[in-house]
Amino acid sequence: MIGYYVHHHGAGHLHRAAALAAAVDDEVAGFSSLDAPAGWTGPWTVLPLDTDASPPEDASANGRLHWVPLGSVGLADRMATIAQWIARERPSCFVIDVSVEVALLCRLLGVPVVVVAQPGARTDPAHTLVYDIAAAVIAPWPPSVSPLRTAAELGERLHTVGAISRTPVRPPGIPRRDGSIVILQGRGGRGPSSVDRVSAKLREAGIGDPVPATGSEREIADLLRSAQVVIAHCGQNAIAEIAAARTPAVLIAEDRPHGEQSAMARAIDASDMPATVFPVDAGLDHDVDLGLDLDDLARTIERARGLDGDLWSGWVDGEAAARAAAVIQRVAASSASGRHGR
């Protein structure tokens, strides 16, 4: 049995968990404050939220952790739920995507943890701790880029497996719709995003009749695969889905903690991937006008249209979930062997 913790902010962690669990040759039990994703076959425990302490007191434990507010009943209940499951099921390892505190809990209970890395500046004490205690760290981007900055010495524990997409790689022969622009939004921000504002500018100017990528997983995949250009934020899973669709993109770095999307934007911008990026160092909050000239925006989209979408094969090759699953299973096998040897 393998445990899997899924962070509840945004949808990307959940999509990645579904792809990884499907590739693992073992039963995977999910834990999250989100409901189980479609198609999840193992057990799933919905955890209480830990946001009940108001105002939160010493949430960072004097700067050593990220979120452990004093007096939070939700925090105590969610940690107790995981600890009781570990005591009962004796998992061979626990995948963490992502929580420093849950990773630390599992490791304190004698369970090896596999941590899914996040891009950006992760040099703070809490991130350094979680990378230090990890049996393995899975980086869901190709080895050709380095969007993670950490103070931890990862060495051979770091496994760059490639980007993990919930949708299969686009098969050949699917026609593109002439002039089509698809807008792919995320769920990780608050309020109108930079992508929202670009989309509004396009509509105001009558450029390309942009279509939002909404609907079921299949419907979104079909929209991405048939588009000539996708405009999206620089979230890991958005990029992975665009890459799986083999569609050129215009990417915008939204303001996120630890410079996560700016780091991904710089990585894409320095690569040969078929995407144009602006602005690379966004640092934008939602009250700042993008200041984009419509002619510049139109030229940026035209440049993207001229790129070769097949170059995305260097980002998503369809095998990343299997490579990540192999890492998880090696850690699990080593843990099980150690227990049986005692």
C-alpha atoms as a PDB file:
ATOM      1  CA  MET A   1       0.000   0.000   0.000  1.00  0.00           C
ATOM      2  CA  ILE A   2       1.222   3.475  -0.927  1.00  0.00           C
ATOM      3  CA  GLY A   3      -0.153   6.725   0.507  1.00  0.00           C
ATOM      4  CA  TYR A   4      -0.531   9.848  -1.611  1.00  0.00           C
ATOM      5  CA  TYR A   5      -1.183  13.349  -0.253  1.00  0.00           C
ATOM      6  CA  VAL A   6      -2.719  15.856  -2.699  1.00  0.00           C
ATOM      7  CA  HIS A   7      -2.642  19.588  -1.973  1.00  0.00           C
ATOM      8  CA  HIS A   8      -6.075  21.187  -2.339  1.00  0.00           C
ATOM      9  CA  HIS A   9      -5.068  24.530  -3.887  1.00  0.00           C
ATOM     10  CA  GLY A  10      -5.798  24.559  -7.610  1.00  0.00           C
ATOM     11  CA  ALA A  11      -6.458  21.466  -9.727  1.00  0.00           C
ATOM     12  CA  GLY A  12      -2.964  20.580 -10.962  1.00  0.00           C
ATOM     13  CA  HIS A  13      -1.905  18.457  -7.988  1.00  0.00           C
ATOM     14  CA  LEU A  14      -5.090  16.393  -8.315  1.00  0.00           C
ATOM     15  CA  HIS A  15      -4.635  15.843 -12.055  1.00  0.00           C
ATOM     16  CA  ARG A  16      -1.023  14.766 -11.526  1.00  0.00           C
ATOM     17  CA  ALA A  17      -2.004  12.382  -8.728  1.00  0.00           C
ATOM     18  CA  ALA A  18      -4.538  10.654 -10.977  1.00  0.00           C
ATOM     19  CA  ALA A  19      -1.927  10.132 -13.703  1.00  0.00           C
ATOM     20  CA  LEU A  20       0.722   8.869 -11.281  1.00  0.00           C
ATOM     21  CA  ALA A  21      -1.559   6.541  -9.318  1.00  0.00           C
ATOM     22  CA  ALA A  22      -2.752   4.927 -12.556  1.00  0.00           C
ATOM     23  CA  ALA A  23       0.876   4.124 -13.440  1.00  0.00           C
ATOM     24  CA  VAL A  24       1.836   2.573 -10.077  1.00  0.00           C
ATOM     25  CA  ASP A  25       1.623  -1.229  -9.761  1.00  0.00           C
ATOM     26  CA  ASP A  26       0.305  -1.096  -6.209  1.00  0.00           C
ATOM     27  CA  GLU A  27      -2.797   0.104  -4.437  1.00  0.00           C
ATOM     28  CA  VAL A  28      -2.615   3.859  -3.823  1.00  0.00           C
ATOM     29  CA  ALA A  29      -4.626   5.534  -1.056  1.00  0.00           C
ATOM     30  CA  GLY A  30      -5.304   9.217  -1.588  1.00  0.00           C
ATOM     31  CA  PHE A  31      -5.556  11.932   1.066  1.00  0.00           C
ATOM     32  CA  SER A  32      -6.739  15.460   0.346  1.00  0.00           C
ATOM     33  CA  SER A  33      -9.284  18.103   1.222  1.00  0.00           C
ATOM     34  CA  LEU A  34     -10.481  17.665  -2.379  1.00  0.00           C
ATOM     35  CA  ASP A  35     -12.772  14.913  -3.608  1.00  0.00           C
ATOM     36  CA  ALA A  36     -11.195  12.007  -5.458  1.00  0.00           C
ATOM     37  CA  PRO A  37     -10.503  12.605  -9.160  1.00  0.00           C
ATOM     38  CA  ALA A  38     -12.523  10.741 -11.763  1.00  0.00           C
ATOM     39  CA  GLY A  39     -11.230   7.231 -12.292  1.00  0.00           C
ATOM     40  CA  TRP A  40      -9.423   6.922  -8.947  1.00  0.00           C
ATOM     41  CA  THR A  41      -9.522   3.225  -8.040  1.00  0.00           C
ATOM     42  CA  GLY A  42      -7.966   3.088  -4.570  1.00  0.00           C
ATOM     43  CA  PRO A  43      -9.210   4.335  -1.210  1.00  0.00           C
ATOM     44  CA  TRP A  44      -9.659   8.088  -0.805  1.00  0.00           C
ATOM     45  CA  THR A  45      -9.894  10.058   2.439  1.00  0.00           C
ATOM     46  CA  VAL A  46     -11.224  13.620   2.416  1.00  0.00           C
ATOM     47  CA  LEU A  47      -9.308  15.535   5.088  1.00  0.00           C
ATOM     48  CA  PRO A  48     -10.717  18.454   7.068  1.00  0.00           C
ATOM     49  CA  LEU A  49      -9.329  21.859   6.176  1.00  0.00           C
ATOM     50  CA  ASP A  50      -6.808  23.438   8.544  1.00  0.00           C
ATOM     51  CA  THR A  51      -7.988  27.018   8.088  1.00  0.00           C
ATOM     52  CA  ASP A  52     -10.261  27.239  11.141  1.00  0.00           C
ATOM     53  CA  ALA A  53      -7.868  29.220  13.386  1.00  0.00           C
ATOM     54  CA  SER A  54      -8.768  32.907  13.042  1.00  0.00           C
ATOM     55  CA  PRO A  55      -6.557  34.749  13.143  1.00  0.00           C
ATOM     56  CA  PRO A  56      -3.841  32.098  12.702  1.00  0.00           C
ATOM     57  CA  GLU A  57      -1.204  32.240  15.420  1.00  0.00           C
ATOM     58  CA  ASP A  58       2.439  31.348  14.757  1.00  0.00           C
ATOM     59  CA  ALA A  59       1.413  29.478  11.588  1.00  0.00           C
ATOM     60  CA  SER A  60       5.047  29.045  10.518  1.00  0.00           C
ATOM     61  CA  ALA A  61       6.406  27.761  13.873  1.00  0.00           C
ATOM     62  CA  ASN A  62       8.905  30.603  14.096  1.00  0.00           C
ATOM     63  CA  GLY A  63       9.694  30.363  10.393  1.00  0.00           C
ATOM     64  CA  ARG A  64      10.592  26.658  10.356  1.00  0.00           C
ATOM     65  CA  LEU A  65       7.409  25.326   8.688  1.00  0.00           C
ATOM     66  CA  HIS A  66       4.734  26.653   6.332  1.00  0.00           C
ATOM     67  CA  TRP A  67       1.328  26.129   7.969  1.00  0.00           C
ATOM     68  CA  VAL A  68       0.864  24.826  11.519  1.00  0.00           C
ATOM     69  CA  PRO A  69      -1.382  27.435  13.209  1.00  0.00           C
ATOM     70  CA  LEU A  70      -1.664  27.031  16.953  1.00  0.00           C
ATOM     71  CA  GLY A  71      -5.040  25.814  18.156  1.00  0.00           C
ATOM     72  CA  SER A  72      -6.285  24.649  14.759  1.00  0.00           C
ATOM     73  CA  VAL A  73      -8.718  21.771  15.259  1.00  0.00           C
ATOM     74  CA  GLY A  74      -8.690  21.063  11.525  1.00  0.00           C
ATOM     75  CA  LEU A  75      -4.905  20.722  11.528  1.00  0.00           C
ATOM     76  CA  ALA A  76      -5.003  18.304  14.479  1.00  0.00           C
ATOM     77  CA  ASP A  77      -7.790  16.243  12.906  1.00  0.00           C
ATOM     78  CA  ARG A  78      -6.188  15.942   9.466  1.00  0.00           C
ATOM     79  CA  MET A  79      -2.814  14.943  10.912  1.00  0.00           C
ATOM     80  CA  ALA A  80      -4.449  12.438  13.279  1.00  0.00           C
ATOM     81  CA  THR A  81      -6.388  10.915  10.375  1.00  0.00           C
ATOM     82  CA  ILE A  82      -3.186  10.335   8.406  1.00  0.00           C
ATOM     83  CA  ALA A  83      -1.281   9.036  11.450  1.00  0.00           C
ATOM     84  CA  GLN A  84      -4.044   6.556  12.317  1.00  0.00           C
ATOM     85  CA  TRP A  85      -4.099   5.272   8.744  1.00  0.00           C
ATOM     86  CA  ILE A  86      -0.326   4.807   8.761  1.00  0.00           C
ATOM     87  CA  ALA A  87      -0.498   2.895  12.063  1.00  0.00           C
ATOM     88  CA  ARG A  88      -3.227   0.650  10.660  1.00  0.00           C
ATOM     89  CA  GLU A  89      -2.061   0.071   7.066  1.00  0.00           C
ATOM     90  CA  ARG A  90       1.766   0.291   7.410  1.00  0.00           C
ATOM     91  CA  PRO A  91       2.328   1.816   3.934  1.00  0.00           C
ATOM     92  CA  SER A  92       5.588   1.142   2.138  1.00  0.00           C
ATOM     93  CA  CYS A  93       5.958   4.835   1.224  1.00  0.00           C
ATOM     94  CA  PHE A  94       4.029   8.088   1.006  1.00  0.00           C
ATOM     95  CA  VAL A  95       3.999  10.439  -1.996  1.00  0.00           C
ATOM     96  CA  ILE A  96       3.695  14.120  -1.039  1.00  0.00           C
ATOM     97  CA  ASP A  97       2.348  16.662  -3.565  1.00  0.00           C
ATOM     98  CA  VAL A  98       2.773  18.933  -1.670  1.00  0.00           C
ATOM     99  CA  SER A  99       3.022  19.613   2.080  1.00  0.00           C
ATOM    100  CA  VAL A 100       6.108  20.011   4.212  1.00  0.00           C
ATOM    101  CA  GLU A 101       4.081  19.222   7.320  1.00  0.00           C
ATOM    102  CA  VAL A 102       2.495  16.005   5.994  1.00  0.00           C
ATOM    103  CA  ALA A 103       5.885  14.851   4.702  1.00  0.00           C
ATOM    104  CA  LEU A 104       7.436  15.461   8.109  1.00  0.00           C
ATOM    105  CA  LEU A 105       4.596  13.616   9.868  1.00  0.00           C
ATOM    106  CA  CYS A 106       5.013  10.565   7.639  1.00  0.00           C
ATOM    107  CA  ARG A 107       8.783  10.499   8.058  1.00  0.00           C
ATOM    108  CA  LEU A 108       8.463  10.839  11.860  1.00  0.00           C
ATOM    109  CA  LEU A 109       6.222   7.763  11.756  1.00  0.00           C
ATOM    110  CA  GLY A 110       8.910   5.781   9.956  1.00  0.00           C
ATOM    111  CA  VAL A 111       7.489   5.983   6.427  1.00  0.00           C
ATOM    112  CA  PRO A 112       9.798   7.026   3.560  1.00  0.00           C
ATOM    113  CA  VAL A 113       8.480   9.986   1.579  1.00  0.00           C
ATOM    114  CA  VAL A 114       8.666  10.738  -2.131  1.00  0.00           C
ATOM    115  CA  VAL A 115       8.285  14.486  -2.610  1.00  0.00           C
ATOM    116  CA  VAL A 116       7.022  16.049  -5.841  1.00  0.00           C
ATOM    117  CA  ALA A 117       9.162  19.122  -6.505  1.00  0.00           C
ATOM    118  CA  GLN A 118       7.786  22.553  -7.305  1.00  0.00           C
ATOM    119  CA  PRO A 119       9.606  25.144  -9.435  1.00  0.00           C
ATOM    120  CA  GLY A 120      10.804  28.446  -8.067  1.00  0.00           C
ATOM    121  CA  ALA A 121      12.963  29.585  -5.161  1.00  0.00           C
ATOM    122  CA  ARG A 122      12.564  26.874  -2.515  1.00  0.00           C
ATOM    123  CA  THR A 123      15.454  27.925  -0.314  1.00  0.00           C
ATOM    124  CA  ASP A 124      13.449  28.680   2.845  1.00  0.00           C
ATOM    125  CA  PRO A 125      13.945  26.468   5.939  1.00  0.00           C
ATOM    126  CA  ALA A 126      10.706  24.510   5.443  1.00  0.00           C
ATOM    127  CA  HIS A 127      11.437  23.555   1.838  1.00  0.00           C
ATOM    128  CA  THR A 128      15.038  22.742   2.709  1.00  0.00           C
ATOM    129  CA  LEU A 129      13.778  20.422   5.446  1.00  0.00           C
ATOM    130  CA  VAL A 130      11.316  18.558   3.222  1.00  0.00           C
ATOM    131  CA  TYR A 131      13.893  18.019   0.484  1.00  0.00           C
ATOM    132  CA  ASP A 132      16.473  16.910   3.053  1.00  0.00           C
ATOM    133  CA  ILE A 133      14.201  14.214   4.542  1.00  0.00           C
ATOM    134  CA  ALA A 134      12.882  12.893   1.210  1.00  0.00           C
ATOM    135  CA  ALA A 135      13.896   9.427   0.071  1.00  0.00           C
ATOM    136  CA  ALA A 136      13.383  10.672  -3.489  1.00  0.00           C
ATOM    137  CA  VAL A 137      12.315  13.905  -5.177  1.00  0.00           C
ATOM    138  CA  ILE A 138      10.349  13.744  -8.423  1.00  0.00           C
ATOM    139  CA  ALA A 139      10.798  16.791 -10.673  1.00  0.00           C
ATOM    140  CA  PRO A 140       7.979  16.852 -13.258  1.00  0.00           C
ATOM    141  CA  TRP A 141       9.922  18.617 -15.983  1.00  0.00           C
ATOM    142  CA  PRO A 142      12.555  17.448 -18.483  1.00  0.00           C
ATOM    143  CA  PRO A 143      16.257  17.167 -17.536  1.00  0.00           C
ATOM    144  CA  SER A 144      17.073  19.950 -20.009  1.00  0.00           C
ATOM    145  CA  VAL A 145      15.672  22.665 -17.714  1.00  0.00           C
ATOM    146  CA  SER A 146      16.262  23.618 -14.064  1.00  0.00           C
ATOM    147  CA  PRO A 147      13.372  25.707 -12.692  1.00  0.00           C
ATOM    148  CA  LEU A 148      13.964  24.610  -9.069  1.00  0.00           C
ATOM    149  CA  ARG A 149      16.301  26.502  -6.752  1.00  0.00           C
ATOM    150  CA  THR A 150      16.867  24.823  -3.393  1.00  0.00           C
ATOM    151  CA  ALA A 151      19.410  24.862  -0.582  1.00  0.00           C
ATOM    152  CA  ALA A 152      19.126  21.085  -0.154  1.00  0.00           C
ATOM    153  CA  GLU A 153      21.745  18.729  -1.604  1.00  0.00           C
ATOM    154  CA  LEU A 154      19.594  16.420  -3.692  1.00  0.00           C
ATOM    155  CA  GLY A 155      22.176  14.575  -5.779  1.00  0.00           C
ATOM    156  CA  GLU A 156      20.903  11.213  -7.002  1.00  0.00           C
ATOM    157  CA  ARG A 157      17.670  11.610  -5.052  1.00  0.00           C
ATOM    158  CA  LEU A 158      16.433  14.089  -7.692  1.00  0.00           C
ATOM    159  CA  HIS A 159      14.631  12.430 -10.602  1.00  0.00           C
ATOM    160  CA  THR A 160      13.699  14.698 -13.521  1.00  0.00           C
ATOM    161  CA  VAL A 161      11.077  12.523 -15.192  1.00  0.00           C
ATOM    162  CA  GLY A 162       9.559  14.965 -17.683  1.00  0.00           C
ATOM    163  CA  ALA A 163       6.236  16.754 -17.490  1.00  0.00           C
ATOM    164  CA  ILE A 164       3.227  14.649 -16.500  1.00  0.00           C
ATOM    165  CA  SER A 165       0.020  15.258 -18.441  1.00  0.00           C
ATOM    166  CA  ARG A 166      -3.384  13.859 -17.568  1.00  0.00           C
ATOM    167  CA  THR A 167      -4.170  13.628 -21.284  1.00  0.00           C
ATOM    168  CA  PRO A 168      -2.431  11.420 -23.863  1.00  0.00           C
ATOM    169  CA  VAL A 169      -0.073  12.828 -26.473  1.00  0.00           C
ATOM    170  CA  ARG A 170      -1.924  14.153 -29.531  1.00  0.00           C
ATOM    171  CA  PRO A 171      -2.192  11.518 -32.238  1.00  0.00           C
ATOM    172  CA  PRO A 172      -1.204  12.569 -35.763  1.00  0.00           C
ATOM    173  CA  GLY A 173      -3.777  13.674 -38.295  1.00  0.00           C
ATOM    174  CA  ILE A 174      -6.021  15.861 -36.148  1.00  0.00           C
ATOM    175  CA  PRO A 175      -6.790  19.016 -38.170  1.00  0.00           C
ATOM    176  CA  ARG A 176      -6.166  22.482 -36.743  1.00  0.00           C
ATOM    177  CA  ARG A 177      -8.888  25.115 -36.950  1.00  0.00           C
ATOM    178  CA  ASP A 178      -7.561  28.051 -38.986  1.00  0.00           C
ATOM    179  CA  GLY A 179      -6.839  31.092 -36.844  1.00  0.00           C
ATOM    180  CA  SER A 180      -8.143  29.431 -33.690  1.00  0.00           C
ATOM    181  CA  ILE A 181      -6.967  30.674 -30.286  1.00  0.00           C
ATOM    182  CA  VAL A 182      -7.829  28.742 -27.115  1.00  0.00           C
ATOM    183  CA  ILE A 183      -7.550  30.247 -23.628  1.00  0.00           C
ATOM    184  CA  LEU A 184      -6.478  27.759 -20.944  1.00  0.00           C
ATOM    185  CA  GLN A 185      -7.062  29.049 -17.437  1.00  0.00           C
ATOM    186  CA  GLY A 186      -6.072  27.654 -14.064  1.00  0.00           C
ATOM    187  CA  ARG A 187      -7.656  27.512 -10.621  1.00  0.00           C
ATOM    188  CA  GLY A 188      -4.703  28.514  -8.476  1.00  0.00           C
ATOM    189  CA  GLY A 189      -5.117  32.282  -8.344  1.00  0.00           C
ATOM    190  CA  ARG A 190      -7.498  34.809  -6.841  1.00  0.00           C
ATOM    191  CA  GLY A 191      -9.478  37.283  -8.896  1.00  0.00           C
ATOM    192  CA  PRO A 192      -8.970  38.187 -12.571  1.00  0.00           C
ATOM    193  CA  SER A 193      -5.671  36.871 -13.895  1.00  0.00           C
ATOM    194  CA  SER A 194      -3.257  38.206 -16.476  1.00  0.00           C
ATOM    195  CA  VAL A 195      -4.564  35.558 -18.883  1.00  0.00           C
ATOM    196  CA  ASP A 196      -8.097  36.875 -18.302  1.00  0.00           C
ATOM    197  CA  ARG A 197      -6.933  40.373 -19.204  1.00  0.00           C
ATOM    198  CA  VAL A 198      -5.140  39.242 -22.355  1.00  0.00           C
ATOM    199  CA  SER A 199      -8.254  37.329 -23.404  1.00  0.00           C
ATOM    200  CA  ALA A 200     -10.390  40.436 -22.840  1.00  0.00           C
ATOM    201  CA  LYS A 201      -7.992  42.553 -24.939  1.00  0.00           C
ATOM    202  CA  LEU A 202      -8.198  40.043 -27.784  1.00  0.00           C
ATOM    203  CA  ARG A 203     -11.985  40.121 -27.743  1.00  0.00           C
ATOM    204  CA  GLU A 204     -12.042  43.922 -27.621  1.00  0.00           C
ATOM    205  CA  ALA A 205      -9.805  44.069 -30.693  1.00  0.00           C
ATOM    206  CA  GLY A 206     -11.523  41.226 -32.540  1.00  0.00           C
ATOM    207  CA  ILE A 207      -8.292  39.233 -32.735  1.00  0.00           C
ATOM    208  CA  GLY A 208      -8.782  35.526 -33.293  1.00  0.00           C
ATOM    209  CA  ASP A 209     -12.117  35.005 -31.484  1.00  0.00           C
ATOM    210  CA  PRO A 210     -10.502  33.304 -28.447  1.00  0.00           C
ATOM    211  CA  VAL A 211     -12.349  30.267 -27.060  1.00  0.00           C
ATOM    212  CA  PRO A 212     -12.062  29.284 -23.375  1.00  0.00           C
ATOM    213  CA  ALA A 213     -10.955  25.711 -22.704  1.00  0.00           C
ATOM    214  CA  THR A 214     -13.893  24.476 -20.648  1.00  0.00           C
ATOM    215  CA  GLY A 215     -15.826  21.256 -20.283  1.00  0.00           C
ATOM    216  CA  SER A 216     -14.774  17.710 -19.558  1.00  0.00           C
ATOM    217  CA  GLU A 217     -11.171  16.488 -19.673  1.00  0.00           C
ATOM    218  CA  ARG A 218     -11.830  15.060 -23.143  1.00  0.00           C
ATOM    219  CA  GLU A 219     -13.470  18.276 -24.388  1.00  0.00           C
ATOM    220  CA  ILE A 220     -10.563  20.404 -23.142  1.00  0.00           C
ATOM    221  CA  ALA A 221      -8.044  18.043 -24.748  1.00  0.00           C
ATOM    222  CA  ASP A 222      -9.930  18.231 -28.071  1.00  0.00           C
ATOM    223  CA  LEU A 223      -9.921  22.046 -27.965  1.00  0.00           C
ATOM    224  CA  LEU A 224      -6.183  22.168 -27.260  1.00  0.00           C
ATOM    225  CA  ARG A 225      -5.380  19.645 -29.986  1.00  0.00           C
ATOM    226  CA  SER A 226      -7.350  21.473 -32.688  1.00  0.00           C
ATOM    227  CA  ALA A 227      -6.172  25.009 -31.830  1.00  0.00           C
ATOM    228  CA  GLN A 228      -3.473  26.846 -33.723  1.00  0.00           C
ATOM    229  CA  VAL A 229      -2.352  28.699 -30.592  1.00  0.00           C
ATOM    230  CA  VAL A 230      -3.085  28.332 -26.885  1.00  0.00           C
ATOM    231  CA  ILE A 231      -2.770  31.252 -24.460  1.00  0.00           C
ATOM    232  CA  ALA A 232      -2.215  30.122 -20.892  1.00  0.00           C
ATOM    233  CA  HIS A 233      -0.500  30.779 -17.587  1.00  0.00           C
ATOM    234  CA  CYS A 234       2.833  29.134 -16.720  1.00  0.00           C
ATOM    235  CA  GLY A 235       1.490  26.522 -14.328  1.00  0.00           C
ATOM    236  CA  GLN A 236       3.105  23.101 -14.598  1.00  0.00           C
ATOM    237  CA  ASN A 237      -0.039  21.224 -15.550  1.00  0.00           C
ATOM    238  CA  ALA A 238      -1.249  23.816 -18.045  1.00  0.00           C
ATOM    239  CA  ILE A 239       2.088  23.597 -19.842  1.00  0.00           C
ATOM    240  CA  ALA A 240       1.987  19.796 -19.707  1.00  0.00           C
ATOM    241  CA  GLU A 241      -1.469  19.644 -21.291  1.00  0.00           C
ATOM    242  CA  ILE A 242      -0.484  22.104 -24.018  1.00  0.00           C
ATOM    243  CA  ALA A 243       2.658  20.089 -24.679  1.00  0.00           C
ATOM    244  CA  ALA A 244       0.671  16.851 -24.893  1.00  0.00           C
ATOM    245  CA  ALA A 245      -1.584  18.571 -27.446  1.00  0.00           C
ATOM    246  CA  ARG A 246       1.514  19.571 -29.470  1.00  0.00           C
ATOM    247  CA  THR A 247       0.107  23.100 -29.889  1.00  0.00           C
ATOM    248  CA  PRO A 248       2.237  26.273 -29.963  1.00  0.00           C
ATOM    249  CA  ALA A 249       1.566  28.571 -27.031  1.00  0.00           C
ATOM    250  CA  VAL A 250       1.736  32.083 -25.674  1.00  0.00           C
ATOM    251  CA  LEU A 251       2.532  31.769 -21.959  1.00  0.00           C
ATOM    252  CA  ILE A 252       2.115  34.370 -19.223  1.00  0.00           C
ATOM    253  CA  ALA A 253       3.785  34.100 -15.837  1.00  0.00           C
ATOM    254  CA  GLU A 254       1.213  34.794 -13.135  1.00  0.00           C
ATOM    255  CA  ASP A 255       2.238  36.004  -9.692  1.00  0.00           C
ATOM    256  CA  ARG A 256       2.608  32.950  -7.441  1.00  0.00           C
ATOM    257  CA  PRO A 257       4.469  32.175  -4.187  1.00  0.00           C
ATOM    258  CA  HIS A 258       8.200  31.443  -4.503  1.00  0.00           C
ATOM    259  CA  GLY A 259       8.215  32.809  -8.076  1.00  0.00           C
ATOM    260  CA  GLU A 260       6.882  29.468  -9.282  1.00  0.00           C
ATOM    261  CA  GLN A 261       5.468  30.578 -12.613  1.00  0.00           C
ATOM    262  CA  SER A 262       8.258  33.052 -13.332  1.00  0.00           C
ATOM    263  CA  ALA A 263      10.743  30.182 -12.907  1.00  0.00           C
ATOM    264  CA  MET A 264       8.789  28.045 -15.367  1.00  0.00           C
ATOM    265  CA  ALA A 265       8.570  30.974 -17.784  1.00  0.00           C
ATOM    266  CA  ARG A 266      12.336  31.472 -17.704  1.00  0.00           C
ATOM    267  CA  ALA A 267      12.886  27.742 -18.253  1.00  0.00           C
ATOM    268  CA  ILE A 268      10.556  27.691 -21.265  1.00  0.00           C
ATOM    269  CA  ASP A 269      11.989  30.928 -22.644  1.00  0.00           C
ATOM    270  CA  ALA A 270      15.543  29.547 -22.528  1.00  0.00           C
ATOM    271  CA  SER A 271      14.526  26.271 -24.190  1.00  0.00           C
ATOM    272  CA  ASP A 272      13.603  25.352 -27.753  1.00  0.00           C
ATOM    273  CA  MET A 273       9.979  24.651 -26.793  1.00  0.00           C
ATOM    274  CA  PRO A 274       7.333  26.076 -29.184  1.00  0.00           C
ATOM    275  CA  ALA A 275       6.123  28.886 -26.935  1.00  0.00           C
ATOM    276  CA  THR A 276       6.527  32.629 -26.671  1.00  0.00           C
ATOM    277  CA  VAL A 277       6.637  33.972 -23.137  1.00  0.00           C
ATOM    278  CA  PHE A 278       5.701  37.421 -21.860  1.00  0.00           C
ATOM    279  CA  PRO A 279       6.524  38.899 -19.527  1.00  0.00           C
ATOM    280  CA  VAL A 280       9.165  36.442 -18.295  1.00  0.00           C
ATOM    281  CA  ASP A 281       9.501  38.150 -14.910  1.00  0.00           C
ATOM    282  CA  ALA A 282       5.865  39.121 -14.471  1.00  0.00           C
ATOM    283  CA  GLY A 283       5.673  39.757 -10.753  1.00  0.00           C
ATOM    284  CA  LEU A 284       2.196  41.065 -11.522  1.00  0.00           C
ATOM    285  CA  ASP A 285      -0.562  41.443  -9.020  1.00  0.00           C
ATOM    286  CA  HIS A 286      -4.150  41.670 -10.098  1.00  0.00           C
ATOM    287  CA  ASP A 287      -4.315  45.456  -9.773  1.00  0.00           C
ATOM    288  CA  VAL A 288      -1.598  46.136 -12.341  1.00  0.00           C
ATOM    289  CA  ASP A 289      -2.511  46.749 -15.981  1.00  0.00           C
ATOM    290  CA  LEU A 290      -0.535  44.524 -18.298  1.00  0.00           C
ATOM    291  CA  GLY A 291       0.126  47.514 -20.515  1.00  0.00           C
ATOM    292  CA  LEU A 292       0.171  45.323 -23.617  1.00  0.00           C
ATOM    293  CA  ASP A 293      -0.005  47.057 -26.940  1.00  0.00           C
ATOM    294  CA  LEU A 294      -2.542  45.270 -29.140  1.00  0.00           C
ATOM    295  CA  ASP A 295      -0.158  45.278 -32.083  1.00  0.00           C
ATOM    296  CA  ASP A 296       2.511  43.653 -29.897  1.00  0.00           C
ATOM    297  CA  LEU A 297      -0.004  41.094 -28.725  1.00  0.00           C
ATOM    298  CA  ALA A 298      -1.065  40.265 -32.279  1.00  0.00           C
ATOM    299  CA  ARG A 299       2.586  39.922 -33.351  1.00  0.00           C
ATOM    300  CA  THR A 300       3.300  37.654 -30.384  1.00  0.00           C
ATOM    301  CA  ILE A 301       0.426  35.368 -31.361  1.00  0.00           C
ATOM    302  CA  GLU A 302       1.598  35.291 -34.970  1.00  0.00           C
ATOM    303  CA  ARG A 303       5.112  34.343 -33.856  1.00  0.00           C
ATOM    304  CA  ALA A 304       3.632  31.484 -31.835  1.00  0.00           C
ATOM    305  CA  ARG A 305       1.593  30.302 -34.824  1.00  0.00           C
ATOM    306  CA  GLY A 306       4.810  29.895 -36.792  1.00  0.00           C
ATOM    307  CA  LEU A 307       6.393  27.537 -34.236  1.00  0.00           C
ATOM    308  CA  ASP A 308       6.589  23.753 -34.633  1.00  0.00           C
ATOM    309  CA  GLY A 309       4.257  22.203 -32.053  1.00  0.00           C
ATOM    310  CA  ASP A 310       5.971  18.830 -32.368  1.00  0.00           C
ATOM    311  CA  LEU A 311       8.943  20.280 -30.474  1.00  0.00           C
ATOM    312  CA  TRP A 312       6.826  19.852 -27.332  1.00  0.00           C
ATOM    313  CA  SER A 313       7.904  16.190 -27.457  1.00  0.00           C
ATOM    314  CA  GLY A 314      10.964  17.351 -25.509  1.00  0.00           C
ATOM    315  CA  TRP A 315       8.647  18.406 -22.658  1.00  0.00           C
ATOM    316  CA  VAL A 316       5.967  15.691 -22.719  1.00  0.00           C
ATOM    317  CA  ASP A 317       6.741  12.337 -24.307  1.00  0.00           C
ATOM    318  CA  GLY A 318       3.925  10.365 -22.682  1.00  0.00           C
ATOM    319  CA  GLU A 319       6.256   8.310 -20.462  1.00  0.00           C
ATOM    320  CA  ALA A 320       6.815  10.650 -17.494  1.00  0.00           C
ATOM    321  CA  ALA A 321       4.128   9.066 -15.301  1.00  0.00           C
ATOM    322  CA  ALA A 322       5.707   5.640 -15.825  1.00  0.00           C
ATOM    323  CA  ARG A 323       9.161   6.982 -14.937  1.00  0.00           C
ATOM    324  CA  ALA A 324       7.799   8.659 -11.797  1.00  0.00           C
ATOM    325  CA  ALA A 325       5.944   5.475 -10.863  1.00  0.00           C
ATOM    326  CA  ALA A 326       9.193   3.506 -11.164  1.00  0.00           C
ATOM    327  CA  VAL A 327      10.851   5.898  -8.679  1.00  0.00           C
ATOM    328  CA  ILE A 328       7.956   5.494  -6.239  1.00  0.00           C
ATOM    329  CA  GLN A 329       7.996   1.715  -6.561  1.00  0.00           C
ATOM    330  CA  ARG A 330      11.747   1.524  -5.947  1.00  0.00           C
ATOM    331  CA  VAL A 331      11.360   3.486  -2.709  1.00  0.00           C
ATOM    332  CA  ALA A 332       8.383   1.307  -1.708  1.00  0.00           C
ATOM    333  CA  ALA A 333      10.268  -1.908  -2.488  1.00  0.00           C
ATOM    334  CA  SER A 334      13.291  -0.783  -0.508  1.00  0.00           C
ATOM    335  CA  SER A 335      11.089   0.082   2.467  1.00  0.00           C
ATOM    336  CA  ALA A 336       9.257  -3.255   2.320  1.00  0.00           C
ATOM    337  CA  SER A 337      12.565  -5.140   2.079  1.00  0.00           C
ATOM    338  CA  GLY A 338      13.892  -3.309   5.102  1.00  0.00           C
ATOM    339  CA  ARG A 339      10.833  -4.162   7.184  1.00  0.00           C
ATOM    340  CA  HIS A 340      10.969  -7.823   6.251  1.00  0.00           C
ATOM    341  CA  GLY A 341      14.669  -7.958   7.058  1.00  0.00           C
ATOM    342  CA  ARG A 342      14.173  -6.905  10.673  1.00  0.00           C
END
